[in-house]
Amino acid sequence: AGISWGGERTGYADSVKGRFTMSRDNA
C-alpha cells in the first residue's frame, strides 16, 4: 500500500485491496 504526502490518495496491491486500509495519524 502507499499514501500521498498529504494523505489525499492511497493505493493498494490487488492482493490486499478491500482487506487492508492505509491511513495517516498526522498528530
PDB file of all heavy atoms in Angstrom:
ATOM      1  N   ALA A   1       0.840  -1.192   0.000  1.00  0.00           N
ATOM      2  CA  ALA A   1       0.000   0.000   0.000  1.00  0.00           C
ATOM      3  C   ALA A   1       0.872   1.238   0.000  1.00  0.00           C
ATOM      4  O   ALA A   1       2.010   1.212   0.458  1.00  0.00           O
ATOM      5  CB  ALA A   1      -0.934   0.014   1.216  1.00  0.00           C
ATOM      6  N   GLY A   2       0.326   2.345  -0.494  1.00  0.00           N
ATOM      7  CA  GLY A   2       1.029   3.613  -0.490  1.00  0.00           C
ATOM      8  C   GLY A   2       0.081   4.752  -0.188  1.00  0.00           C
ATOM      9  O   GLY A   2      -1.135   4.642  -0.402  1.00  0.00           O
ATOM     10  N   ILE A   3       0.631   5.859   0.312  1.00  0.00           N
ATOM     11  CA  ILE A   3      -0.173   7.031   0.636  1.00  0.00           C
ATOM     12  C   ILE A   3       0.595   8.281   0.246  1.00  0.00           C
ATOM     13  O   ILE A   3       1.819   8.346   0.386  1.00  0.00           O
ATOM     14  CB  ILE A   3      -0.565   7.050   2.129  1.00  0.00           C
ATOM     15  CG1 ILE A   3      -1.649   8.092   2.398  1.00  0.00           C
ATOM     16  CG2 ILE A   3       0.657   7.283   3.013  1.00  0.00           C
ATOM     17  CD1 ILE A   3      -2.317   7.914   3.756  1.00  0.00           C
ATOM     18  N   SER A   4      -0.129   9.289  -0.257  1.00  0.00           N
ATOM     19  CA  SER A   4       0.493  10.523  -0.697  1.00  0.00           C
ATOM     20  C   SER A   4       0.941  11.365   0.488  1.00  0.00           C
ATOM     21  O   SER A   4       0.538  11.137   1.634  1.00  0.00           O
ATOM     22  CB  SER A   4      -0.477  11.316  -1.576  1.00  0.00           C
ATOM     23  OG  SER A   4      -1.644  11.669  -0.848  1.00  0.00           O
ATOM     24  N   TRP A   5       1.766  12.352   0.196  1.00  0.00           N
ATOM     25  CA  TRP A   5       2.309  13.209   1.233  1.00  0.00           C
ATOM     26  C   TRP A   5       1.212  13.862   2.065  1.00  0.00           C
ATOM     27  O   TRP A   5       1.324  13.936   3.290  1.00  0.00           O
ATOM     28  CB  TRP A   5       3.198  14.284   0.586  1.00  0.00           C
ATOM     29  CG  TRP A   5       3.928  15.151   1.565  1.00  0.00           C
ATOM     30  CD1 TRP A   5       5.158  14.922   2.110  1.00  0.00           C
ATOM     31  CD2 TRP A   5       3.465  16.390   2.114  1.00  0.00           C
ATOM     32  NE1 TRP A   5       5.499  15.946   2.962  1.00  0.00           N
ATOM     33  CE2 TRP A   5       4.479  16.862   2.988  1.00  0.00           C
ATOM     34  CE3 TRP A   5       2.306  17.148   1.956  1.00  0.00           C
ATOM     35  CZ2 TRP A   5       4.360  18.054   3.692  1.00  0.00           C
ATOM     36  CZ3 TRP A   5       2.189  18.338   2.665  1.00  0.00           C
ATOM     37  CH2 TRP A   5       3.212  18.779   3.514  1.00  0.00           C
ATOM     38  N   GLY A   6       0.153  14.330   1.417  1.00  0.00           N
ATOM     39  CA  GLY A   6      -0.943  14.970   2.113  1.00  0.00           C
ATOM     40  C   GLY A   6      -2.038  14.023   2.578  1.00  0.00           C
ATOM     41  O   GLY A   6      -2.976  14.458   3.247  1.00  0.00           O
ATOM     42  N   GLY A   7      -1.937  12.758   2.228  1.00  0.00           N
ATOM     43  CA  GLY A   7      -2.921  11.781   2.646  1.00  0.00           C
ATOM     44  C   GLY A   7      -4.167  11.718   1.781  1.00  0.00           C
ATOM     45  O   GLY A   7      -5.097  10.973   2.112  1.00  0.00           O
ATOM     46  N   GLU A   8      -4.193  12.464   0.679  1.00  0.00           N
ATOM     47  CA  GLU A   8      -5.389  12.505  -0.157  1.00  0.00           C
ATOM     48  C   GLU A   8      -5.596  11.250  -0.989  1.00  0.00           C
ATOM     49  O   GLU A   8      -6.735  10.933  -1.349  1.00  0.00           O
ATOM     50  CB  GLU A   8      -5.331  13.714  -1.102  1.00  0.00           C
ATOM     51  CG  GLU A   8      -5.240  15.051  -0.394  1.00  0.00           C
ATOM     52  CD  GLU A   8      -3.813  15.509  -0.179  1.00  0.00           C
ATOM     53  OE1 GLU A   8      -2.883  14.692  -0.376  1.00  0.00           O
ATOM     54  OE2 GLU A   8      -3.614  16.676   0.193  1.00  0.00           O
ATOM     55  N   ARG A   9      -4.517  10.570  -1.312  1.00  0.00           N
ATOM     56  CA  ARG A   9      -4.592   9.413  -2.197  1.00  0.00           C
ATOM     57  C   ARG A   9      -3.934   8.203  -1.553  1.00  0.00           C
ATOM     58  O   ARG A   9      -2.881   8.322  -0.918  1.00  0.00           O
ATOM     59  CB  ARG A   9      -3.915   9.703  -3.536  1.00  0.00           C
ATOM     60  CG  ARG A   9      -4.549  10.839  -4.338  1.00  0.00           C
ATOM     61  CD  ARG A   9      -5.896  10.431  -4.918  1.00  0.00           C
ATOM     62  NE  ARG A   9      -5.774   9.310  -5.836  1.00  0.00           N
ATOM     63  CZ  ARG A   9      -5.484   9.423  -7.117  1.00  0.00           C
ATOM     64  NH1 ARG A   9      -5.280  10.621  -7.658  1.00  0.00           N
ATOM     65  NH2 ARG A   9      -5.415   8.346  -7.876  1.00  0.00           N
ATOM     66  N   THR A  10      -4.554   7.062  -1.737  1.00  0.00           N
ATOM     67  CA  THR A  10      -3.979   5.793  -1.325  1.00  0.00           C
ATOM     68  C   THR A  10      -4.100   4.802  -2.465  1.00  0.00           C
ATOM     69  O   THR A  10      -4.966   4.926  -3.332  1.00  0.00           O
ATOM     70  CB  THR A  10      -4.662   5.217  -0.077  1.00  0.00           C
ATOM     71  OG1 THR A  10      -6.077   5.133  -0.300  1.00  0.00           O
ATOM     72  CG2 THR A  10      -4.395   6.089   1.143  1.00  0.00           C
ATOM     73  N   GLY A  11      -3.235   3.825  -2.471  1.00  0.00           N
ATOM     74  CA  GLY A  11      -3.284   2.777  -3.459  1.00  0.00           C
ATOM     75  C   GLY A  11      -2.865   1.460  -2.846  1.00  0.00           C
ATOM     76  O   GLY A  11      -2.095   1.431  -1.883  1.00  0.00           O
ATOM     77  N   TYR A  12      -3.370   0.358  -3.408  1.00  0.00           N
ATOM     78  CA  TYR A  12      -3.167  -0.954  -2.824  1.00  0.00           C
ATOM     79  C   TYR A  12      -2.836  -1.986  -3.896  1.00  0.00           C
ATOM     80  O   TYR A  12      -3.295  -1.892  -5.040  1.00  0.00           O
ATOM     81  CB  TYR A  12      -4.422  -1.408  -2.080  1.00  0.00           C
ATOM     82  CG  TYR A  12      -4.854  -0.457  -0.996  1.00  0.00           C
ATOM     83  CD1 TYR A  12      -5.741   0.575  -1.270  1.00  0.00           C
ATOM     84  CD2 TYR A  12      -4.357  -0.575   0.292  1.00  0.00           C
ATOM     85  CE1 TYR A  12      -6.129   1.461  -0.276  1.00  0.00           C
ATOM     86  CE2 TYR A  12      -4.738   0.305   1.286  1.00  0.00           C
ATOM     87  CZ  TYR A  12      -5.621   1.326   0.999  1.00  0.00           C
ATOM     88  OH  TYR A  12      -5.990   2.201   1.984  1.00  0.00           O
ATOM     89  N   ALA A  13      -2.054  -2.958  -3.491  1.00  0.00           N
ATOM     90  CA  ALA A  13      -1.854  -4.112  -4.344  1.00  0.00           C
ATOM     91  C   ALA A  13      -3.174  -4.859  -4.507  1.00  0.00           C
ATOM     92  O   ALA A  13      -4.005  -4.894  -3.594  1.00  0.00           O
ATOM     93  CB  ALA A  13      -0.798  -5.036  -3.749  1.00  0.00           C
ATOM     94  N   ASP A  14      -3.368  -5.464  -5.673  1.00  0.00           N
ATOM     95  CA  ASP A  14      -4.612  -6.186  -5.918  1.00  0.00           C
ATOM     96  C   ASP A  14      -4.852  -7.280  -4.881  1.00  0.00           C
ATOM     97  O   ASP A  14      -5.998  -7.565  -4.523  1.00  0.00           O
ATOM     98  CB  ASP A  14      -4.598  -6.800  -7.318  1.00  0.00           C
ATOM     99  CG  ASP A  14      -4.724  -5.759  -8.411  1.00  0.00           C
ATOM    100  OD1 ASP A  14      -5.178  -4.636  -8.123  1.00  0.00           O
ATOM    101  OD2 ASP A  14      -4.375  -6.080  -9.565  1.00  0.00           O
ATOM    102  N   SER A  15      -3.792  -7.877  -4.376  1.00  0.00           N
ATOM    103  CA  SER A  15      -3.922  -8.980  -3.444  1.00  0.00           C
ATOM    104  C   SER A  15      -4.486  -8.569  -2.085  1.00  0.00           C
ATOM    105  O   SER A  15      -4.964  -9.422  -1.337  1.00  0.00           O
ATOM    106  CB  SER A  15      -2.563  -9.663  -3.246  1.00  0.00           C
ATOM    107  OG  SER A  15      -1.603  -8.751  -2.751  1.00  0.00           O
ATOM    108  N   VAL A  16      -4.435  -7.273  -1.749  1.00  0.00           N
ATOM    109  CA  VAL A  16      -4.914  -6.819  -0.450  1.00  0.00           C
ATOM    110  C   VAL A  16      -6.057  -5.824  -0.560  1.00  0.00           C
ATOM    111  O   VAL A  16      -6.635  -5.445   0.470  1.00  0.00           O
ATOM    112  CB  VAL A  16      -3.777  -6.208   0.395  1.00  0.00           C
ATOM    113  CG1 VAL A  16      -2.608  -7.169   0.503  1.00  0.00           C
ATOM    114  CG2 VAL A  16      -3.317  -4.873  -0.187  1.00  0.00           C
ATOM    115  N   LYS A  17      -6.398  -5.397  -1.751  1.00  0.00           N
ATOM    116  CA  LYS A  17      -7.446  -4.401  -1.930  1.00  0.00           C
ATOM    117  C   LYS A  17      -8.770  -4.902  -1.346  1.00  0.00           C
ATOM    118  O   LYS A  17      -9.180  -6.034  -1.585  1.00  0.00           O
ATOM    119  CB  LYS A  17      -7.604  -4.072  -3.411  1.00  0.00           C
ATOM    120  CG  LYS A  17      -8.520  -2.899  -3.696  1.00  0.00           C
ATOM    121  CD  LYS A  17      -8.522  -2.549  -5.188  1.00  0.00           C
ATOM    122  CE  LYS A  17      -7.156  -2.072  -5.640  1.00  0.00           C
ATOM    123  NZ  LYS A  17      -7.162  -1.643  -7.064  1.00  0.00           N
ATOM    124  N   GLY A  18      -9.423  -4.042  -0.581  1.00  0.00           N
ATOM    125  CA  GLY A  18     -10.660  -4.396   0.072  1.00  0.00           C
ATOM    126  C   GLY A  18     -10.483  -5.014   1.438  1.00  0.00           C
ATOM    127  O   GLY A  18     -11.462  -5.135   2.190  1.00  0.00           O
ATOM    128  N   ARG A  19      -9.254  -5.403   1.786  1.00  0.00           N
ATOM    129  CA  ARG A  19      -8.977  -6.005   3.084  1.00  0.00           C
ATOM    130  C   ARG A  19      -8.075  -5.125   3.947  1.00  0.00           C
ATOM    131  O   ARG A  19      -8.203  -5.133   5.170  1.00  0.00           O
ATOM    132  CB  ARG A  19      -8.321  -7.377   2.918  1.00  0.00           C
ATOM    133  CG  ARG A  19      -9.179  -8.374   2.158  1.00  0.00           C
ATOM    134  CD  ARG A  19      -8.566  -9.774   2.196  1.00  0.00           C
ATOM    135  NE  ARG A  19      -7.253  -9.817   1.542  1.00  0.00           N
ATOM    136  CZ  ARG A  19      -6.117 -10.155   2.142  1.00  0.00           C
ATOM    137  NH1 ARG A  19      -6.116 -10.475   3.433  1.00  0.00           N
ATOM    138  NH2 ARG A  19      -4.977 -10.193   1.462  1.00  0.00           N
ATOM    139  N   PHE A  20      -7.160  -4.402   3.316  1.00  0.00           N
ATOM    140  CA  PHE A  20      -6.212  -3.550   4.035  1.00  0.00           C
ATOM    141  C   PHE A  20      -6.565  -2.084   3.803  1.00  0.00           C
ATOM    142  O   PHE A  20      -7.009  -1.707   2.717  1.00  0.00           O
ATOM    143  CB  PHE A  20      -4.780  -3.779   3.541  1.00  0.00           C
ATOM    144  CG  PHE A  20      -4.181  -5.116   3.881  1.00  0.00           C
ATOM    145  CD1 PHE A  20      -4.940  -6.143   4.397  1.00  0.00           C
ATOM    146  CD2 PHE A  20      -2.827  -5.329   3.662  1.00  0.00           C
ATOM    147  CE1 PHE A  20      -4.387  -7.375   4.704  1.00  0.00           C
ATOM    148  CE2 PHE A  20      -2.253  -6.552   3.960  1.00  0.00           C
ATOM    149  CZ  PHE A  20      -3.032  -7.570   4.479  1.00  0.00           C
ATOM    150  N   THR A  21      -6.327  -1.259   4.811  1.00  0.00           N
ATOM    151  CA  THR A  21      -6.547   0.172   4.703  1.00  0.00           C
ATOM    152  C   THR A  21      -5.347   0.913   5.272  1.00  0.00           C
ATOM    153  O   THR A  21      -4.948   0.661   6.412  1.00  0.00           O
ATOM    154  CB  THR A  21      -7.818   0.609   5.450  1.00  0.00           C
ATOM    155  OG1 THR A  21      -8.950  -0.087   4.929  1.00  0.00           O
ATOM    156  CG2 THR A  21      -8.043   2.108   5.278  1.00  0.00           C
ATOM    157  N   MET A  22      -4.790   1.830   4.487  1.00  0.00           N
ATOM    158  CA  MET A  22      -3.672   2.648   4.934  1.00  0.00           C
ATOM    159  C   MET A  22      -4.171   4.056   5.231  1.00  0.00           C
ATOM    160  O   MET A  22      -4.995   4.601   4.494  1.00  0.00           O
ATOM    161  CB  MET A  22      -2.575   2.693   3.871  1.00  0.00           C
ATOM    162  CG  MET A  22      -1.303   3.373   4.330  1.00  0.00           C
ATOM    163  SD  MET A  22       0.001   3.280   3.060  1.00  0.00           S
ATOM    164  CE  MET A  22       1.374   4.050   3.935  1.00  0.00           C
ATOM    165  N   SER A  23      -3.669   4.649   6.299  1.00  0.00           N
ATOM    166  CA  SER A  23      -4.084   5.985   6.689  1.00  0.00           C
ATOM    167  C   SER A  23      -2.953   6.686   7.421  1.00  0.00           C
ATOM    168  O   SER A  23      -1.933   6.075   7.754  1.00  0.00           O
ATOM    169  CB  SER A  23      -5.340   5.933   7.569  1.00  0.00           C
ATOM    170  OG  SER A  23      -5.086   5.212   8.767  1.00  0.00           O
ATOM    171  N   ARG A  24      -3.151   7.974   7.662  1.00  0.00           N
ATOM    172  CA  ARG A  24      -2.170   8.766   8.401  1.00  0.00           C
ATOM    173  C   ARG A  24      -2.724   9.177   9.755  1.00  0.00           C
ATOM    174  O   ARG A  24      -3.919   9.438   9.909  1.00  0.00           O
ATOM    175  CB  ARG A  24      -1.791  10.029   7.629  1.00  0.00           C
ATOM    176  CG  ARG A  24      -0.929   9.804   6.412  1.00  0.00           C
ATOM    177  CD  ARG A  24      -0.450  11.144   5.847  1.00  0.00           C
ATOM    178  NE  ARG A  24       0.407  10.971   4.675  1.00  0.00           N
ATOM    179  CZ  ARG A  24       1.717  10.775   4.732  1.00  0.00           C
ATOM    180  NH1 ARG A  24       2.347  10.729   5.912  1.00  0.00           N
ATOM    181  NH2 ARG A  24       2.416  10.629   3.610  1.00  0.00           N
ATOM    182  N   ASP A  25      -1.842   9.230  10.732  1.00  0.00           N
ATOM    183  CA  ASP A  25      -2.114   9.861  12.015  1.00  0.00           C
ATOM    184  C   ASP A  25      -1.142  11.032  12.090  1.00  0.00           C
ATOM    185  O   ASP A  25      -0.022  10.892  12.573  1.00  0.00           O
ATOM    186  CB  ASP A  25      -1.911   8.888  13.164  1.00  0.00           C
ATOM    187  CG  ASP A  25      -2.283   9.481  14.505  1.00  0.00           C
ATOM    188  OD1 ASP A  25      -2.390  10.712  14.617  1.00  0.00           O
ATOM    189  OD2 ASP A  25      -2.464   8.700  15.458  1.00  0.00           O
ATOM    190  N   ASN A  26      -1.578  12.184  11.601  1.00  0.00           N
ATOM    191  CA  ASN A  26      -0.671  13.313  11.443  1.00  0.00           C
ATOM    192  C   ASN A  26      -0.144  13.844  12.774  1.00  0.00           C
ATOM    193  O   ASN A  26       0.987  14.331  12.844  1.00  0.00           O
ATOM    194  CB  ASN A  26      -1.365  14.440  10.674  1.00  0.00           C
ATOM    195  CG  ASN A  26      -1.618  14.079   9.232  1.00  0.00           C
ATOM    196  OD1 ASN A  26      -0.830  13.379   8.603  1.00  0.00           O
ATOM    197  ND2 ASN A  26      -2.726  14.568   8.686  1.00  0.00           N
ATOM    198  N   ALA A  27      -0.953  13.758  13.813  1.00  0.00           N
ATOM    199  CA  ALA A  27      -0.516  14.246  15.117  1.00  0.00           C
ATOM    200  C   ALA A  27       0.682  13.468  15.633  1.00  0.00           C
ATOM    201  O   ALA A  27       1.476  13.997  16.413  1.00  0.00           O
ATOM    202  CB  ALA A  27      -1.657  14.184  16.119  1.00  0.00           C
TER     203      ALA A  27
END
